[in-house]
Amino acid sequence: MKTIVAAGVAAAILSTTALPAAAQTSAPLLDPILYGQLERWLGAGPLYLDNLYTRQPGDDALDFHAAVDGRGSSFTLMRIANDRGDNWLVGGYNPQSWSSTDGWHVTARDVERTGFIFNYTDPAVYRQVPTDHILPSQGSRQTYNSPDHGPTFGAGPDLFVDDRLSTAISWQLTYGDPDFEGRSIIDGTYGGQFRRIDALEIVAISPVPEPPAYAMLLGALAVLGWSARARGRIRSP
């Protein structure tokens, strides 16, 4: 039997058990190596990544939504730690805009199921379960969008952030291999273990703009014109 820990249930649990938010360092999570890995995982060619939001002391889910809602596709990046001091860099790709009012973003068709979550520290990427699974709807709930949730992926919730932006849970269901239902993408544990979020960033995605065709044509014509003038000067007595 499939067990779904709905995002709203996780939020209710965390309302009384959320961990205190850790101070976020000034060092950005996105570095050139991670940048390249995100490009490869997305597979859409070179990307331009623009920081939309970095968690600040005292922030909550409303601050997150104020910064990112309606801003298009994005990556969520989080550094998450346990009580032993182990930490992981994890996150997810949301191909749609975040919202504080939409609830579930449901993706009924495979062509819509382009979201994924990932662990960068223990490299792995987890994509939405396709419709040819025995339960076709299992991979349909891409993200959950509510004013009392931070960035939340999947119906497990596969990757959940509470309203204080301080605590995460991972419970695979909508993303990844269905055989690992209930397993955390953060540390591989089962049962929805609470983990502390030490840093949280959202970066917007857009393709690197190509030079306009007319600009390339003008450039080529300019080179040809210069070459013709140069040949004329060489042939002059």
C-alpha atoms as a PDB file:
ATOM      1  CA  MET A   1       0.000   0.000   0.000  1.00  0.00           C
ATOM      2  CA  LYS A   2       1.247   3.455  -0.899  1.00  0.00           C
ATOM      3  CA  THR A   3       1.752   5.822   2.003  1.00  0.00           C
ATOM      4  CA  ILE A   4       1.541   9.531   1.288  1.00  0.00           C
ATOM      5  CA  VAL A   5       2.729  12.034   3.874  1.00  0.00           C
ATOM      6  CA  ALA A   6       0.935  15.053   2.428  1.00  0.00           C
ATOM      7  CA  ALA A   7       2.694  18.401   2.490  1.00  0.00           C
ATOM      8  CA  GLY A   8       0.005  19.923   4.694  1.00  0.00           C
ATOM      9  CA  VAL A   9       0.414  17.120   7.253  1.00  0.00           C
ATOM     10  CA  ALA A  10       4.159  17.695   7.343  1.00  0.00           C
ATOM     11  CA  ALA A  11       3.539  21.401   7.926  1.00  0.00           C
ATOM     12  CA  ALA A  12       1.251  20.658  10.869  1.00  0.00           C
ATOM     13  CA  ILE A  13       3.840  18.367  12.446  1.00  0.00           C
ATOM     14  CA  LEU A  14       6.592  20.890  11.980  1.00  0.00           C
ATOM     15  CA  SER A  15       4.577  23.711  13.511  1.00  0.00           C
ATOM     16  CA  THR A  16       5.479  22.271  16.919  1.00  0.00           C
ATOM     17  CA  THR A  17       8.797  20.593  16.113  1.00  0.00           C
ATOM     18  CA  ALA A  18      10.601  22.995  13.780  1.00  0.00           C
ATOM     19  CA  LEU A  19      14.286  23.425  14.460  1.00  0.00           C
ATOM     20  CA  PRO A  20      15.747  26.863  15.158  1.00  0.00           C
ATOM     21  CA  ALA A  21      17.088  28.547  12.045  1.00  0.00           C
ATOM     22  CA  ALA A  22      20.866  28.626  11.755  1.00  0.00           C
ATOM     23  CA  ALA A  23      22.718  31.780  10.818  1.00  0.00           C
ATOM     24  CA  GLN A  24      23.443  31.765   7.087  1.00  0.00           C
ATOM     25  CA  THR A  25      26.984  32.502   5.996  1.00  0.00           C
ATOM     26  CA  SER A  26      27.653  35.085   3.326  1.00  0.00           C
ATOM     27  CA  ALA A  27      29.263  32.538   0.985  1.00  0.00           C
ATOM     28  CA  PRO A  28      26.820  31.736  -1.864  1.00  0.00           C
ATOM     29  CA  LEU A  29      25.853  28.112  -2.372  1.00  0.00           C
ATOM     30  CA  LEU A  30      26.156  28.374  -6.155  1.00  0.00           C
ATOM     31  CA  ASP A  31      29.748  28.001  -7.339  1.00  0.00           C
ATOM     32  CA  PRO A  32      31.092  27.329 -10.874  1.00  0.00           C
ATOM     33  CA  ILE A  33      31.231  23.552 -10.379  1.00  0.00           C
ATOM     34  CA  LEU A  34      27.638  23.333  -9.136  1.00  0.00           C
ATOM     35  CA  TYR A  35      26.648  25.727 -11.925  1.00  0.00           C
ATOM     36  CA  GLY A  36      27.987  23.281 -14.510  1.00  0.00           C
ATOM     37  CA  GLN A  37      26.335  20.301 -12.836  1.00  0.00           C
ATOM     38  CA  LEU A  38      22.934  22.014 -12.830  1.00  0.00           C
ATOM     39  CA  GLU A  39      23.327  22.740 -16.559  1.00  0.00           C
ATOM     40  CA  ARG A  40      24.087  19.069 -17.228  1.00  0.00           C
ATOM     41  CA  TRP A  41      21.193  17.799 -15.103  1.00  0.00           C
ATOM     42  CA  LEU A  42      18.740  20.171 -16.786  1.00  0.00           C
ATOM     43  CA  GLY A  43      20.118  19.404 -20.256  1.00  0.00           C
ATOM     44  CA  ALA A  44      18.946  22.650 -21.840  1.00  0.00           C
ATOM     45  CA  GLY A  45      22.346  24.031 -22.804  1.00  0.00           C
ATOM     46  CA  PRO A  46      24.120  27.008 -21.226  1.00  0.00           C
ATOM     47  CA  LEU A  47      22.060  28.790 -18.574  1.00  0.00           C
ATOM     48  CA  TYR A  48      21.987  32.210 -16.991  1.00  0.00           C
ATOM     49  CA  LEU A  49      21.302  31.851 -13.253  1.00  0.00           C
ATOM     50  CA  ASP A  50      20.202  34.922 -11.319  1.00  0.00           C
ATOM     51  CA  ASN A  51      19.809  34.924  -7.525  1.00  0.00           C
ATOM     52  CA  LEU A  52      16.206  35.713  -6.577  1.00  0.00           C
ATOM     53  CA  TYR A  53      16.366  35.025  -2.866  1.00  0.00           C
ATOM     54  CA  THR A  54      18.840  34.275  -0.078  1.00  0.00           C
ATOM     55  CA  ARG A  55      17.402  33.517   3.351  1.00  0.00           C
ATOM     56  CA  GLN A  56      18.085  36.220   5.935  1.00  0.00           C
ATOM     57  CA  PRO A  57      17.725  36.071   9.747  1.00  0.00           C
ATOM     58  CA  GLY A  58      14.065  36.241  10.734  1.00  0.00           C
ATOM     59  CA  ASP A  59      12.730  35.342   7.291  1.00  0.00           C
ATOM     60  CA  ASP A  60       9.750  33.055   6.872  1.00  0.00           C
ATOM     61  CA  ALA A  61       7.771  31.537   3.990  1.00  0.00           C
ATOM     62  CA  LEU A  62       6.107  34.864   3.166  1.00  0.00           C
ATOM     63  CA  ASP A  63       9.528  36.437   2.521  1.00  0.00           C
ATOM     64  CA  PHE A  64      10.400  33.530   0.238  1.00  0.00           C
ATOM     65  CA  HIS A  65       7.157  33.923  -1.711  1.00  0.00           C
ATOM     66  CA  ALA A  66       7.492  37.703  -1.962  1.00  0.00           C
ATOM     67  CA  ALA A  67      10.852  37.264  -3.673  1.00  0.00           C
ATOM     68  CA  VAL A  68      10.173  34.352  -6.022  1.00  0.00           C
ATOM     69  CA  ASP A  69       6.463  34.078  -6.877  1.00  0.00           C
ATOM     70  CA  GLY A  70       5.707  34.568 -10.550  1.00  0.00           C
ATOM     71  CA  ARG A  71       9.390  34.685 -11.513  1.00  0.00           C
ATOM     72  CA  GLY A  72       9.463  31.628 -13.768  1.00  0.00           C
ATOM     73  CA  SER A  73      11.520  28.438 -13.538  1.00  0.00           C
ATOM     74  CA  SER A  74      14.116  28.223 -10.797  1.00  0.00           C
ATOM     75  CA  PHE A  75      16.519  26.096  -8.801  1.00  0.00           C
ATOM     76  CA  THR A  76      16.187  25.760  -5.034  1.00  0.00           C
ATOM     77  CA  LEU A  77      19.535  25.241  -3.268  1.00  0.00           C
ATOM     78  CA  MET A  78      19.824  24.230   0.387  1.00  0.00           C
ATOM     79  CA  ARG A  79      22.622  23.259   2.743  1.00  0.00           C
ATOM     80  CA  ILE A  80      21.103  20.824   5.249  1.00  0.00           C
ATOM     81  CA  ALA A  81      22.709  19.392   8.393  1.00  0.00           C
ATOM     82  CA  ASN A  82      22.028  16.796  11.078  1.00  0.00           C
ATOM     83  CA  ASP A  83      22.860  16.879  14.779  1.00  0.00           C
ATOM     84  CA  ARG A  84      26.203  15.142  14.196  1.00  0.00           C
ATOM     85  CA  GLY A  85      27.448  17.970  12.005  1.00  0.00           C
ATOM     86  CA  ASP A  86      27.119  16.141   8.684  1.00  0.00           C
ATOM     87  CA  ASN A  87      25.806  18.357   5.917  1.00  0.00           C
ATOM     88  CA  TRP A  88      24.521  18.003   2.377  1.00  0.00           C
ATOM     89  CA  LEU A  89      23.822  20.371  -0.485  1.00  0.00           C
ATOM     90  CA  VAL A  90      20.446  19.424  -1.957  1.00  0.00           C
ATOM     91  CA  GLY A  91      17.743  21.128  -3.973  1.00  0.00           C
ATOM     92  CA  GLY A  92      15.296  20.960  -6.810  1.00  0.00           C
ATOM     93  CA  TYR A  93      14.331  22.286 -10.215  1.00  0.00           C
ATOM     94  CA  ASN A  94      10.864  23.821 -10.522  1.00  0.00           C
ATOM     95  CA  PRO A  95       9.946  24.398 -14.190  1.00  0.00           C
ATOM     96  CA  GLN A  96       6.977  26.561 -13.160  1.00  0.00           C
ATOM     97  CA  SER A  97       6.748  29.756 -11.135  1.00  0.00           C
ATOM     98  CA  TRP A  98       6.357  29.434  -7.384  1.00  0.00           C
ATOM     99  CA  SER A  99       3.094  30.716  -5.954  1.00  0.00           C
ATOM    100  CA  SER A 100       1.544  31.260  -2.523  1.00  0.00           C
ATOM    101  CA  THR A 101      -1.999  30.505  -3.728  1.00  0.00           C
ATOM    102  CA  ASP A 102      -1.953  27.676  -6.291  1.00  0.00           C
ATOM    103  CA  GLY A 103      -1.739  24.667  -3.981  1.00  0.00           C
ATOM    104  CA  TRP A 104      -0.592  21.608  -5.918  1.00  0.00           C
ATOM    105  CA  HIS A 105       0.925  22.080  -9.344  1.00  0.00           C
ATOM    106  CA  VAL A 106      -0.337  18.862 -10.922  1.00  0.00           C
ATOM    107  CA  THR A 107       1.412  17.492 -14.017  1.00  0.00           C
ATOM    108  CA  ALA A 108      -0.808  14.840 -15.567  1.00  0.00           C
ATOM    109  CA  ARG A 109       1.315  14.134 -18.674  1.00  0.00           C
ATOM    110  CA  ASP A 110       4.911  12.984 -18.995  1.00  0.00           C
ATOM    111  CA  VAL A 111       5.764  16.030 -21.102  1.00  0.00           C
ATOM    112  CA  GLU A 112       4.918  18.174 -18.046  1.00  0.00           C
ATOM    113  CA  ARG A 113       6.913  16.080 -15.583  1.00  0.00           C
ATOM    114  CA  THR A 114      10.221  17.872 -16.057  1.00  0.00           C
ATOM    115  CA  GLY A 115      10.869  18.776 -12.419  1.00  0.00           C
ATOM    116  CA  PHE A 116      13.611  17.058 -10.446  1.00  0.00           C
ATOM    117  CA  ILE A 117      15.246  17.109  -7.035  1.00  0.00           C
ATOM    118  CA  PHE A 118      18.887  16.348  -6.358  1.00  0.00           C
ATOM    119  CA  ASN A 119      21.651  15.689  -3.870  1.00  0.00           C
ATOM    120  CA  TYR A 120      24.870  17.387  -4.928  1.00  0.00           C
ATOM    121  CA  THR A 121      26.999  16.108  -2.033  1.00  0.00           C
ATOM    122  CA  ASP A 122      26.210  12.442  -2.725  1.00  0.00           C
ATOM    123  CA  PRO A 123      25.588  13.025  -6.431  1.00  0.00           C
ATOM    124  CA  ALA A 124      22.151  11.862  -7.528  1.00  0.00           C
ATOM    125  CA  VAL A 125      19.167  13.306  -9.361  1.00  0.00           C
ATOM    126  CA  TYR A 126      15.559  12.204  -8.803  1.00  0.00           C
ATOM    127  CA  ARG A 127      13.021  12.881 -11.555  1.00  0.00           C
ATOM    128  CA  GLN A 128       9.232  12.726 -11.454  1.00  0.00           C
ATOM    129  CA  VAL A 129       7.768   9.215 -11.669  1.00  0.00           C
ATOM    130  CA  PRO A 130       6.463   8.705 -15.254  1.00  0.00           C
ATOM    131  CA  THR A 131       2.900   7.820 -16.197  1.00  0.00           C
ATOM    132  CA  ASP A 132       3.798   4.248 -17.199  1.00  0.00           C
ATOM    133  CA  HIS A 133       4.262   3.400 -13.516  1.00  0.00           C
ATOM    134  CA  ILE A 134       1.676   1.015 -12.006  1.00  0.00           C
ATOM    135  CA  LEU A 135       0.118   4.089 -10.351  1.00  0.00           C
ATOM    136  CA  PRO A 136       0.214   6.699 -13.142  1.00  0.00           C
ATOM    137  CA  SER A 137      -0.728   9.587 -10.850  1.00  0.00           C
ATOM    138  CA  GLN A 138       2.147   8.956  -8.405  1.00  0.00           C
ATOM    139  CA  GLY A 139       4.483  11.395 -10.138  1.00  0.00           C
ATOM    140  CA  SER A 140       1.892  14.061 -10.871  1.00  0.00           C
ATOM    141  CA  ARG A 141       2.276  16.433  -7.919  1.00  0.00           C
ATOM    142  CA  GLN A 142       5.239  18.533  -8.949  1.00  0.00           C
ATOM    143  CA  THR A 143       5.266  21.223  -6.226  1.00  0.00           C
ATOM    144  CA  TYR A 144       3.084  22.488  -3.403  1.00  0.00           C
ATOM    145  CA  ASN A 145       2.435  26.235  -3.273  1.00  0.00           C
ATOM    146  CA  SER A 146       1.099  27.730  -0.048  1.00  0.00           C
ATOM    147  CA  PRO A 147       1.840  30.800   2.108  1.00  0.00           C
ATOM    148  CA  ASP A 148       2.780  28.555   5.046  1.00  0.00           C
ATOM    149  CA  HIS A 149       5.294  26.458   3.065  1.00  0.00           C
ATOM    150  CA  GLY A 150       8.757  27.142   1.811  1.00  0.00           C
ATOM    151  CA  PRO A 151       9.807  25.461  -1.453  1.00  0.00           C
ATOM    152  CA  THR A 152       8.142  22.042  -1.418  1.00  0.00           C
ATOM    153  CA  PHE A 153       8.486  19.332  -4.058  1.00  0.00           C
ATOM    154  CA  GLY A 154       6.259  16.280  -4.501  1.00  0.00           C
ATOM    155  CA  ALA A 155       3.539  14.620  -2.457  1.00  0.00           C
ATOM    156  CA  GLY A 156       5.840  12.698  -0.106  1.00  0.00           C
ATOM    157  CA  PRO A 157       6.740  15.447   0.511  1.00  0.00           C
ATOM    158  CA  ASP A 158       9.814  14.486  -1.477  1.00  0.00           C
ATOM    159  CA  LEU A 159      11.560  17.678  -0.352  1.00  0.00           C
ATOM    160  CA  PHE A 160       9.753  19.941   2.104  1.00  0.00           C
ATOM    161  CA  VAL A 161      10.668  23.266   3.755  1.00  0.00           C
ATOM    162  CA  ASP A 162       8.629  24.554   6.684  1.00  0.00           C
ATOM    163  CA  ASP A 163       7.146  28.038   7.139  1.00  0.00           C
ATOM    164  CA  ARG A 164      10.155  29.208   9.171  1.00  0.00           C
ATOM    165  CA  LEU A 165      12.561  28.131   6.416  1.00  0.00           C
ATOM    166  CA  SER A 166      14.538  26.318   9.101  1.00  0.00           C
ATOM    167  CA  THR A 167      13.615  22.640   8.772  1.00  0.00           C
ATOM    168  CA  ALA A 168      13.501  20.134   5.915  1.00  0.00           C
ATOM    169  CA  ILE A 169      12.067  16.657   5.434  1.00  0.00           C
ATOM    170  CA  SER A 170      12.535  14.301   2.497  1.00  0.00           C
ATOM    171  CA  TRP A 171      10.267  11.314   1.774  1.00  0.00           C
ATOM    172  CA  GLN A 172      10.489   9.981  -1.788  1.00  0.00           C
ATOM    173  CA  LEU A 173       7.165   9.350  -3.464  1.00  0.00           C
ATOM    174  CA  THR A 174       6.584  11.596  -6.489  1.00  0.00           C
ATOM    175  CA  TYR A 175      10.258  11.757  -7.463  1.00  0.00           C
ATOM    176  CA  GLY A 176      12.855   9.030  -7.927  1.00  0.00           C
ATOM    177  CA  ASP A 177      12.608   5.239  -8.031  1.00  0.00           C
ATOM    178  CA  PRO A 178       9.254   4.051  -6.606  1.00  0.00           C
ATOM    179  CA  ASP A 179      11.096   1.109  -5.022  1.00  0.00           C
ATOM    180  CA  PHE A 180      12.685   3.603  -2.604  1.00  0.00           C
ATOM    181  CA  GLU A 181       9.421   5.153  -1.433  1.00  0.00           C
ATOM    182  CA  GLY A 182       9.914   6.839   1.945  1.00  0.00           C
ATOM    183  CA  ARG A 183      13.685   7.200   1.576  1.00  0.00           C
ATOM    184  CA  SER A 184      15.283  10.608   2.140  1.00  0.00           C
ATOM    185  CA  ILE A 185      17.298  12.106  -0.704  1.00  0.00           C
ATOM    186  CA  ILE A 186      19.240  14.041   1.947  1.00  0.00           C
ATOM    187  CA  ASP A 187      20.880  11.247   3.930  1.00  0.00           C
ATOM    188  CA  GLY A 188      19.244   7.991   2.796  1.00  0.00           C
ATOM    189  CA  THR A 189      17.264   7.468   6.011  1.00  0.00           C
ATOM    190  CA  TYR A 190      13.630   6.362   6.125  1.00  0.00           C
ATOM    191  CA  GLY A 191      10.675   7.735   8.041  1.00  0.00           C
ATOM    192  CA  GLY A 192      10.824  11.465   7.399  1.00  0.00           C
ATOM    193  CA  GLN A 193      13.634  12.660   9.652  1.00  0.00           C
ATOM    194  CA  PHE A 194      13.763  16.382  10.496  1.00  0.00           C
ATOM    195  CA  ARG A 195      16.938  18.106   9.315  1.00  0.00           C
ATOM    196  CA  ARG A 196      18.195  21.639   9.930  1.00  0.00           C
ATOM    197  CA  ILE A 197      18.515  24.067   7.010  1.00  0.00           C
ATOM    198  CA  ASP A 198      21.733  26.084   7.319  1.00  0.00           C
ATOM    199  CA  ALA A 199      21.354  28.003   4.042  1.00  0.00           C
ATOM    200  CA  LEU A 200      18.657  28.479   1.419  1.00  0.00           C
ATOM    201  CA  GLU A 201      18.826  30.192  -1.966  1.00  0.00           C
ATOM    202  CA  ILE A 202      16.577  30.403  -5.017  1.00  0.00           C
ATOM    203  CA  VAL A 203      18.073  31.157  -8.438  1.00  0.00           C
ATOM    204  CA  ALA A 204      16.077  31.987 -11.545  1.00  0.00           C
ATOM    205  CA  ILE A 205      16.822  30.231 -14.826  1.00  0.00           C
ATOM    206  CA  SER A 206      17.014  31.588 -18.352  1.00  0.00           C
ATOM    207  CA  PRO A 207      18.996  30.429 -21.405  1.00  0.00           C
ATOM    208  CA  VAL A 208      22.123  32.354 -22.267  1.00  0.00           C
ATOM    209  CA  PRO A 209      20.857  34.790 -24.948  1.00  0.00           C
ATOM    210  CA  GLU A 210      22.084  34.190 -28.474  1.00  0.00           C
ATOM    211  CA  PRO A 211      23.302  37.191 -30.503  1.00  0.00           C
ATOM    212  CA  PRO A 212      20.452  38.425 -32.706  1.00  0.00           C
ATOM    213  CA  ALA A 213      20.677  37.140 -36.267  1.00  0.00           C
ATOM    214  CA  TYR A 214      20.738  40.623 -37.731  1.00  0.00           C
ATOM    215  CA  ALA A 215      23.677  41.588 -35.530  1.00  0.00           C
ATOM    216  CA  MET A 216      25.602  38.554 -36.731  1.00  0.00           C
ATOM    217  CA  LEU A 217      24.750  39.432 -40.332  1.00  0.00           C
ATOM    218  CA  LEU A 218      25.894  43.039 -39.893  1.00  0.00           C
ATOM    219  CA  GLY A 219      29.094  41.796 -38.334  1.00  0.00           C
ATOM    220  CA  ALA A 220      29.752  39.481 -41.273  1.00  0.00           C
ATOM    221  CA  LEU A 221      29.037  42.274 -43.771  1.00  0.00           C
ATOM    222  CA  ALA A 222      31.393  44.591 -41.911  1.00  0.00           C
ATOM    223  CA  VAL A 223      34.179  42.002 -42.097  1.00  0.00           C
ATOM    224  CA  LEU A 224      33.565  41.496 -45.820  1.00  0.00           C
ATOM    225  CA  GLY A 225      33.585  45.250 -46.398  1.00  0.00           C
ATOM    226  CA  TRP A 226      36.844  45.660 -44.518  1.00  0.00           C
ATOM    227  CA  SER A 227      38.388  42.778 -46.487  1.00  0.00           C
ATOM    228  CA  ALA A 228      37.351  44.366 -49.808  1.00  0.00           C
ATOM    229  CA  ARG A 229      38.836  47.720 -48.827  1.00  0.00           C
ATOM    230  CA  ALA A 230      42.029  46.050 -47.701  1.00  0.00           C
ATOM    231  CA  ARG A 231      42.396  44.208 -51.017  1.00  0.00           C
ATOM    232  CA  GLY A 232      41.820  47.484 -52.865  1.00  0.00           C
ATOM    233  CA  ARG A 233      44.605  49.185 -50.942  1.00  0.00           C
ATOM    234  CA  ILE A 234      46.998  46.324 -51.679  1.00  0.00           C
ATOM    235  CA  ARG A 235      46.305  46.494 -55.424  1.00  0.00           C
ATOM    236  CA  SER A 236      46.691  50.296 -55.631  1.00  0.00           C
ATOM    237  CA  PRO A 237      49.967  51.419 -57.346  1.00  0.00           C
END
